[in-house]
């Protein structure tokens, strides 16, 4: 896989934890990402974690009015219906990134370590293509463990 097929997204730690705990298999977005199925999505958990925790493969992107997306994927989003509706308030289209093949790093890669190899690294607000950064961060040399899907707390 080339860096062109790999992106980095930032998530709040609780959402990253849900993905790596196997209860969240859909990441929600208000805007569509310009990526194709099969893309590797690296997951950066924001402060206080401030580290890349692992990655997932993008199975597909679902786009629908929020109410329809909730009916189809709500139980896999790791959020309550109230949180979902608040997040998409005023949006005509909601996007669900359906994740597969989730792999968690045995030891997360902290922001300080990333900045030792990439001086001007800043975690993305939306997402960014890695453009050679994967090799610089030596992500392929790290150890990972697969995550199994679990039942969601929200239905």
Foldseek 3Di string as FASTA:
>chain_A
DDLQLEKEAEDAVVQVVCVQQQQAQKEKDLDDDPHAFQRKYFYAHDPPQQFTWWIWTQHGKDKAALVVCCVVCVQRHQDAVVVSCVVCPPGRMMIIRGTHFTKTFPDTGHPVLLCVQVVPDDHDPGMGRCVPSCVSSVVVVTDIDTGHHDGGPYD
